[in-house]
C-alpha atoms as a PDB file:
ATOM      1  CA  MET A   1     -11.211  -4.090  24.102  1.00  0.00           C
ATOM      2  CA  LYS A   2     -11.263  -1.649  26.994  1.00  0.00           C
ATOM      3  CA  LYS A   3     -10.094   1.816  26.039  1.00  0.00           C
ATOM      4  CA  THR A   4      -7.087   3.359  27.688  1.00  0.00           C
ATOM      5  CA  ARG A   5      -8.286   5.975  30.135  1.00  0.00           C
ATOM      6  CA  VAL A   6      -6.076   8.928  29.329  1.00  0.00           C
ATOM      7  CA  LEU A   7      -7.560  11.376  31.843  1.00  0.00           C
ATOM      8  CA  ALA A   8      -6.859   9.084  34.772  1.00  0.00           C
ATOM      9  CA  VAL A   9      -3.298   8.543  33.588  1.00  0.00           C
ATOM     10  CA  LEU A  10      -2.667  12.239  33.059  1.00  0.00           C
ATOM     11  CA  MET A  11      -4.059  13.232  36.424  1.00  0.00           C
ATOM     12  CA  GLY A  12      -2.286  10.379  38.164  1.00  0.00           C
ATOM     13  CA  ALA A  13       1.006  11.541  36.681  1.00  0.00           C
ATOM     14  CA  ALA A  14       0.264  15.106  37.665  1.00  0.00           C
ATOM     15  CA  LEU A  15      -0.509  14.010  41.221  1.00  0.00           C
ATOM     16  CA  SER A  16       2.797  12.174  41.423  1.00  0.00           C
ATOM     17  CA  MET A  17       4.698  15.210  40.191  1.00  0.00           C
ATOM     18  CA  ALA A  18       2.811  17.487  42.558  1.00  0.00           C
ATOM     19  CA  ALA A  19       3.797  15.318  45.486  1.00  0.00           C
ATOM     20  CA  ALA A  20       7.453  15.393  44.447  1.00  0.00           C
ATOM     21  CA  LEU A  21       7.705  19.150  43.938  1.00  0.00           C
ATOM     22  CA  PRO A  22       7.927  21.839  46.602  1.00  0.00           C
ATOM     23  CA  ALA A  23       4.848  24.026  47.103  1.00  0.00           C
ATOM     24  CA  TYR A  24       4.880  27.566  45.776  1.00  0.00           C
ATOM     25  CA  ALA A  25       2.227  30.184  46.400  1.00  0.00           C
ATOM     26  CA  GLY A  26       0.545  31.769  43.418  1.00  0.00           C
ATOM     27  CA  GLU A  27      -2.501  33.984  43.104  1.00  0.00           C
ATOM     28  CA  TRP A  28      -5.691  34.203  41.108  1.00  0.00           C
ATOM     29  CA  LYS A  29      -5.916  37.038  38.586  1.00  0.00           C
ATOM     30  CA  PHE A  30      -8.784  38.558  36.593  1.00  0.00           C
ATOM     31  CA  ASP A  31      -8.537  40.163  33.158  1.00  0.00           C
ATOM     32  CA  GLY A  32     -12.167  41.214  33.378  1.00  0.00           C
ATOM     33  CA  PRO A  33     -15.254  41.075  35.593  1.00  0.00           C
ATOM     34  CA  GLU A  34     -16.371  37.584  34.493  1.00  0.00           C
ATOM     35  CA  SER A  35     -15.050  34.275  35.836  1.00  0.00           C
ATOM     36  CA  TRP A  36     -14.149  33.004  32.339  1.00  0.00           C
ATOM     37  CA  LYS A  37     -11.334  35.551  32.324  1.00  0.00           C
ATOM     38  CA  LYS A  38      -9.851  34.170  35.506  1.00  0.00           C
ATOM     39  CA  TRP A  39      -6.307  32.779  35.491  1.00  0.00           C
ATOM     40  CA  TYR A  40      -3.680  31.681  37.982  1.00  0.00           C
ATOM     41  CA  ARG A  41      -0.336  33.462  38.198  1.00  0.00           C
ATOM     42  CA  GLU A  42       2.658  31.556  39.556  1.00  0.00           C
ATOM     43  CA  ASP A  43       5.304  33.233  41.696  1.00  0.00           C
ATOM     44  CA  ASP A  44       7.655  33.377  38.720  1.00  0.00           C
ATOM     45  CA  GLY A  45       5.019  35.119  36.563  1.00  0.00           C
ATOM     46  CA  SER A  46       4.137  32.071  34.472  1.00  0.00           C
ATOM     47  CA  TRP A  47       0.701  30.489  34.102  1.00  0.00           C
ATOM     48  CA  THR A  48      -0.765  27.141  33.069  1.00  0.00           C
ATOM     49  CA  LYS A  49      -2.092  26.739  29.508  1.00  0.00           C
ATOM     50  CA  ASN A  50      -4.142  23.861  28.103  1.00  0.00           C
ATOM     51  CA  ASP A  51      -3.456  21.673  31.098  1.00  0.00           C
ATOM     52  CA  TRP A  52      -4.589  20.615  34.563  1.00  0.00           C
ATOM     53  CA  LYS A  53      -3.344  22.218  37.766  1.00  0.00           C
ATOM     54  CA  GLN A  54      -3.995  21.320  41.386  1.00  0.00           C
ATOM     55  CA  ILE A  55      -4.501  24.374  43.609  1.00  0.00           C
ATOM     56  CA  ASP A  56      -5.237  24.037  47.330  1.00  0.00           C
ATOM     57  CA  GLY A  57      -6.140  20.375  46.855  1.00  0.00           C
ATOM     58  CA  LYS A  58      -8.608  20.985  43.988  1.00  0.00           C
ATOM     59  CA  TRP A  59      -8.129  20.302  40.289  1.00  0.00           C
ATOM     60  CA  TYR A  60      -8.665  22.988  37.649  1.00  0.00           C
ATOM     61  CA  HIS A  61      -8.245  23.052  33.889  1.00  0.00           C
ATOM     62  CA  PHE A  62      -7.005  26.024  31.887  1.00  0.00           C
ATOM     63  CA  ASP A  63      -7.587  26.709  28.195  1.00  0.00           C
ATOM     64  CA  ASP A  64      -5.082  27.481  25.437  1.00  0.00           C
ATOM     65  CA  ASN A  65      -4.826  31.091  26.621  1.00  0.00           C
ATOM     66  CA  GLY A  66      -4.455  30.174  30.286  1.00  0.00           C
ATOM     67  CA  TYR A  67      -7.996  31.131  31.303  1.00  0.00           C
ATOM     68  CA  LEU A  68      -9.992  28.981  33.712  1.00  0.00           C
ATOM     69  CA  ASP A  69     -12.361  26.478  32.070  1.00  0.00           C
ATOM     70  CA  VAL A  70     -15.884  25.902  33.419  1.00  0.00           C
ATOM     71  CA  GLY A  71     -18.741  23.639  32.345  1.00  0.00           C
ATOM     72  CA  TRP A  72     -18.442  20.595  30.075  1.00  0.00           C
ATOM     73  CA  HIS A  73     -15.185  20.037  28.233  1.00  0.00           C
ATOM     74  CA  TYR A  74     -13.697  17.142  26.309  1.00  0.00           C
ATOM     75  CA  TYR A  75     -10.445  15.945  24.853  1.00  0.00           C
ATOM     76  CA  GLU A  76      -9.742  13.397  22.146  1.00  0.00           C
ATOM     77  CA  ALA A  77      -8.060  10.222  23.323  1.00  0.00           C
ATOM     78  CA  LYS A  78      -6.343   7.875  20.902  1.00  0.00           C
ATOM     79  CA  ASN A  79      -4.819   4.426  20.767  1.00  0.00           C
ATOM     80  CA  GLU A  80      -3.942   1.939  18.054  1.00  0.00           C
ATOM     81  CA  TYR A  81      -7.646   1.071  17.578  1.00  0.00           C
ATOM     82  CA  GLY A  82      -8.872   4.609  16.907  1.00  0.00           C
ATOM     83  CA  SER A  83      -9.921   7.741  18.773  1.00  0.00           C
ATOM     84  CA  TRP A  84     -12.767   8.738  21.047  1.00  0.00           C
ATOM     85  CA  VAL A  85     -13.909  11.665  23.148  1.00  0.00           C
ATOM     86  CA  GLU A  86     -13.670  11.795  26.937  1.00  0.00           C
ATOM     87  CA  TRP A  87     -15.837  14.355  28.768  1.00  0.00           C
ATOM     88  CA  PHE A  88     -15.188  16.036  32.110  1.00  0.00           C
ATOM     89  CA  TYR A  89     -17.116  18.651  34.075  1.00  0.00           C
ATOM     90  CA  LEU A  90     -15.906  21.758  35.888  1.00  0.00           C
ATOM     91  CA  ASP A  91     -18.297  23.650  38.154  1.00  0.00           C
ATOM     92  CA  ASP A  92     -18.860  27.413  38.048  1.00  0.00           C
ATOM     93  CA  SER A  93     -15.751  27.976  40.169  1.00  0.00           C
ATOM     94  CA  GLY A  94     -13.677  25.826  37.796  1.00  0.00           C
ATOM     95  CA  VAL A  95     -13.305  22.833  40.136  1.00  0.00           C
ATOM     96  CA  TRP A  96     -13.270  19.401  38.500  1.00  0.00           C
ATOM     97  CA  ILE A  97     -16.337  17.436  39.658  1.00  0.00           C
ATOM     98  CA  GLU A  98     -15.565  13.735  39.886  1.00  0.00           C
ATOM     99  CA  ASN A  99     -18.905  12.476  41.212  1.00  0.00           C
ATOM    100  CA  LEU A 100     -21.729  13.774  39.024  1.00  0.00           C
ATOM    101  CA  THR A 101     -24.935  12.070  37.881  1.00  0.00           C
ATOM    102  CA  THR A 102     -26.864  13.239  34.821  1.00  0.00           C
ATOM    103  CA  ASP A 103     -30.002  12.001  33.075  1.00  0.00           C
ATOM    104  CA  THR A 104     -28.260   9.290  31.055  1.00  0.00           C
ATOM    105  CA  GLY A 105     -25.022   8.553  32.895  1.00  0.00           C
ATOM    106  CA  HIS A 106     -22.507   9.493  35.542  1.00  0.00           C
ATOM    107  CA  MET A 107     -19.026  10.873  35.932  1.00  0.00           C
ATOM    108  CA  THR A 108     -16.156   8.652  36.979  1.00  0.00           C
ATOM    109  CA  PRO A 109     -12.459   9.407  37.580  1.00  0.00           C
ATOM    110  CA  GLU A 110     -11.903   8.216  33.999  1.00  0.00           C
ATOM    111  CA  GLY A 111     -14.551  10.490  32.447  1.00  0.00           C
ATOM    112  CA  PHE A 112     -18.292  10.412  31.701  1.00  0.00           C
ATOM    113  CA  GLN A 113     -19.914   7.004  31.244  1.00  0.00           C
ATOM    114  CA  GLU A 114     -23.417   6.268  29.961  1.00  0.00           C
ATOM    115  CA  ASP A 115     -25.549   3.997  32.130  1.00  0.00           C
ATOM    116  CA  HIS A 116     -26.778   1.925  29.158  1.00  0.00           C
ATOM    117  CA  CYS A 117     -24.976   0.496  26.149  1.00  0.00           C
ATOM    118  CA  ASN A 118     -25.178   2.986  23.282  1.00  0.00           C
ATOM    119  CA  VAL A 119     -23.181   1.829  20.278  1.00  0.00           C
ATOM    120  CA  GLY A 120     -25.916   1.282  17.677  1.00  0.00           C
ATOM    121  CA  VAL A 121     -29.187  -0.577  17.780  1.00  0.00           C
ATOM    122  CA  ALA A 122     -27.799  -3.730  16.178  1.00  0.00           C
ATOM    123  CA  ASN A 123     -25.306  -4.113  19.015  1.00  0.00           C
ATOM    124  CA  ASN A 124     -27.623  -3.435  21.974  1.00  0.00           C
ATOM    125  CA  ASP A 125     -29.699  -5.883  23.969  1.00  0.00           C
ATOM    126  CA  ASP A 126     -33.481  -5.423  24.297  1.00  0.00           C
ATOM    127  CA  GLU A 127     -33.289  -3.575  27.622  1.00  0.00           C
ATOM    128  CA  ASP A 128     -30.866  -1.010  26.246  1.00  0.00           C
ATOM    129  CA  ASN A 129     -32.900  -0.550  23.072  1.00  0.00           C
ATOM    130  CA  VAL A 130     -36.082   0.063  25.074  1.00  0.00           C
ATOM    131  CA  TYR A 131     -34.269   2.563  27.282  1.00  0.00           C
ATOM    132  CA  TRP A 132     -32.840   4.583  24.390  1.00  0.00           C
ATOM    133  CA  ALA A 133     -36.084   4.455  22.409  1.00  0.00           C
ATOM    134  CA  ALA A 134     -37.847   6.078  25.373  1.00  0.00           C
ATOM    135  CA  LYS A 135     -35.114   8.714  25.719  1.00  0.00           C
ATOM    136  CA  ILE A 136     -35.268   9.499  22.001  1.00  0.00           C
ATOM    137  CA  GLN A 137     -38.992  10.196  22.368  1.00  0.00           C
ATOM    138  CA  GLU A 138     -38.474  12.208  25.562  1.00  0.00           C
ATOM    139  CA  TYR A 139     -35.821  14.437  23.979  1.00  0.00           C
ATOM    140  CA  GLY A 140     -37.869  15.042  20.834  1.00  0.00           C
ATOM    141  CA  TYR A 141     -35.414  13.299  18.506  1.00  0.00           C
ATOM    142  CA  ALA A 142     -37.706  10.517  17.215  1.00  0.00           C
ATOM    143  CA  ASN A 143     -38.497  12.228  13.899  1.00  0.00           C
ATOM    144  CA  ILE A 144     -35.012  13.457  13.112  1.00  0.00           C
ATOM    145  CA  MET A 145     -33.743  12.043   9.829  1.00  0.00           C
ATOM    146  CA  PRO A 146     -30.928  13.015   7.454  1.00  0.00           C
ATOM    147  CA  SER A 147     -31.755  16.455   6.082  1.00  0.00           C
ATOM    148  CA  GLU A 148     -28.954  16.869   3.554  1.00  0.00           C
ATOM    149  CA  THR A 149     -26.160  15.023   1.775  1.00  0.00           C
ATOM    150  CA  ILE A 150     -22.674  16.459   1.374  1.00  0.00           C
ATOM    151  CA  THR A 151     -19.482  15.345  -0.340  1.00  0.00           C
ATOM    152  CA  LYS A 152     -16.359  16.242   1.609  1.00  0.00           C
ATOM    153  CA  GLU A 153     -12.773  16.766   0.520  1.00  0.00           C
ATOM    154  CA  ASP A 154     -12.016  13.103   1.219  1.00  0.00           C
ATOM    155  CA  GLY A 155     -14.348  12.254  -1.676  1.00  0.00           C
ATOM    156  CA  TYR A 156     -16.865  10.408   0.496  1.00  0.00           C
ATOM    157  CA  THR A 157     -20.550  11.228   0.769  1.00  0.00           C
ATOM    158  CA  TYR A 158     -22.095  11.955   4.157  1.00  0.00           C
ATOM    159  CA  GLU A 159     -25.693  12.213   5.271  1.00  0.00           C
ATOM    160  CA  VAL A 160     -26.240  14.978   7.823  1.00  0.00           C
ATOM    161  CA  LEU A 161     -28.568  14.968  10.833  1.00  0.00           C
ATOM    162  CA  HIS A 162     -29.269  18.031  13.002  1.00  0.00           C
ATOM    163  CA  PHE A 163     -30.197  17.698  16.686  1.00  0.00           C
ATOM    164  CA  PRO A 164     -31.151  20.731  18.803  1.00  0.00           C
ATOM    165  CA  TYR A 165     -29.656  20.600  22.280  1.00  0.00           C
ATOM    166  CA  VAL A 166     -29.844  22.284  25.638  1.00  0.00           C
ATOM    167  CA  ASP A 167     -27.282  22.374  28.406  1.00  0.00           C
ATOM    168  CA  ASN A 168     -28.818  23.084  31.778  1.00  0.00           C
ATOM    169  CA  ALA A 169     -25.450  22.420  33.411  1.00  0.00           C
ATOM    170  CA  LYS A 170     -23.578  25.021  31.372  1.00  0.00           C
ATOM    171  CA  ASP A 171     -21.169  26.967  33.556  1.00  0.00           C
ATOM    172  CA  GLY A 172     -22.363  25.038  36.616  1.00  0.00           C
ATOM    173  CA  SER A 173     -25.648  26.932  36.875  1.00  0.00           C
ATOM    174  CA  ASN A 174     -27.759  23.793  37.195  1.00  0.00           C
ATOM    175  CA  LEU A 175     -26.682  20.167  37.501  1.00  0.00           C
ATOM    176  CA  THR A 176     -30.159  18.689  37.049  1.00  0.00           C
ATOM    177  CA  GLY A 177     -32.165  17.916  33.936  1.00  0.00           C
ATOM    178  CA  LYS A 178     -30.819  17.489  30.420  1.00  0.00           C
ATOM    179  CA  THR A 179     -27.180  18.415  29.920  1.00  0.00           C
ATOM    180  CA  LEU A 180     -24.992  18.576  26.843  1.00  0.00           C
ATOM    181  CA  VAL A 181     -23.611  15.063  27.386  1.00  0.00           C
ATOM    182  CA  ASP A 182     -27.161  13.707  27.746  1.00  0.00           C
ATOM    183  CA  CYS A 183     -28.251  15.305  24.461  1.00  0.00           C
ATOM    184  CA  LEU A 184     -25.140  13.909  22.782  1.00  0.00           C
ATOM    185  CA  ALA A 185     -25.891  10.427  24.124  1.00  0.00           C
ATOM    186  CA  VAL A 186     -29.518  10.489  22.960  1.00  0.00           C
ATOM    187  CA  ALA A 187     -28.546  11.933  19.575  1.00  0.00           C
ATOM    188  CA  LYS A 188     -26.058   9.078  19.154  1.00  0.00           C
ATOM    189  CA  ALA A 189     -28.818   6.603  20.032  1.00  0.00           C
ATOM    190  CA  ARG A 190     -31.064   8.143  17.354  1.00  0.00           C
ATOM    191  CA  VAL A 191     -28.256   7.830  14.814  1.00  0.00           C
ATOM    192  CA  GLY A 192     -28.050   4.174  15.855  1.00  0.00           C
ATOM    193  CA  GLN A 193     -31.761   3.793  15.076  1.00  0.00           C
ATOM    194  CA  VAL A 194     -31.430   5.409  11.666  1.00  0.00           C
ATOM    195  CA  TYR A 195     -28.261   3.453  10.846  1.00  0.00           C
ATOM    196  CA  PRO A 196     -28.386   0.118  12.732  1.00  0.00           C
ATOM    197  CA  GLU A 197     -24.943  -0.856  11.445  1.00  0.00           C
ATOM    198  CA  PHE A 198     -23.500   2.318  13.070  1.00  0.00           C
ATOM    199  CA  SER A 199     -20.059   2.255  11.481  1.00  0.00           C
ATOM    200  CA  GLN A 200     -17.096   4.165  12.864  1.00  0.00           C
ATOM    201  CA  SER A 201     -17.266   6.529   9.877  1.00  0.00           C
ATOM    202  CA  CYS A 202     -19.563   8.845  11.762  1.00  0.00           C
ATOM    203  CA  TYR A 203     -18.581  12.291  13.013  1.00  0.00           C
ATOM    204  CA  TRP A 204     -20.212  14.997  15.072  1.00  0.00           C
ATOM    205  CA  TYR A 205     -19.615  18.617  15.978  1.00  0.00           C
ATOM    206  CA  LEU A 206     -21.390  21.319  17.946  1.00  0.00           C
ATOM    207  CA  THR A 207     -22.823  24.633  16.850  1.00  0.00           C
ATOM    208  CA  ASP A 208     -24.345  27.185  19.216  1.00  0.00           C
ATOM    209  CA  ASN A 209     -27.630  25.262  19.344  1.00  0.00           C
ATOM    210  CA  GLU A 210     -27.234  22.006  17.434  1.00  0.00           C
ATOM    211  CA  ILE A 211     -25.437  18.689  17.505  1.00  0.00           C
ATOM    212  CA  VAL A 212     -24.586  17.872  13.890  1.00  0.00           C
ATOM    213  CA  TYR A 213     -23.912  14.262  12.898  1.00  0.00           C
ATOM    214  CA  GLU A 214     -22.313  13.343   9.587  1.00  0.00           C
ATOM    215  CA  TYR A 215     -22.681   9.688   8.599  1.00  0.00           C
ATOM    216  CA  MET A 216     -20.597   8.289   5.740  1.00  0.00           C
ATOM    217  CA  ARG A 217     -22.583   6.332   3.182  1.00  0.00           C
END
């Protein structure tokens, strides 16, 4: 079943509210010399936190402290069938980039979408499997196997895989080559090779230089 596209709904609602409200002038502020400490002060002294804001016709996103976000960011969307991650990209000035093409997919108004099916080898057709097998080789992930087994507080056992990653698009410095979302997509494809059943009991997180997958056995 098609997932509900939360980003499109949120931004559509924000657009409607923006059109209904009078315009007020604010100003950009800096708490330091770097752009990641940039924030937007409203006329009344308030500022946006953990939300989108349209300024001069462009969309920006601000973090929990009200500072401008840049680079790749995601949020967790949920419905009655489960949860998933939606990615969006903000350039080095913080502007949301709607039309962006990467090595393995492209950005849409609803978030990043991979160009080939990537839900586990058992569920892909031959063309998709050939595509991801080539990408796995290209990214150097072909020999990555579970390197450790852990038992978590839920009592279940997980096998852990570690994938090094690069992000040439970090902070908008370069939009070509391998990006974080590409490395995530190829890592997921490798997990699908190792575990053809690819159950939903699979989790990932990022460290400074690795994508870590935990697969429940």
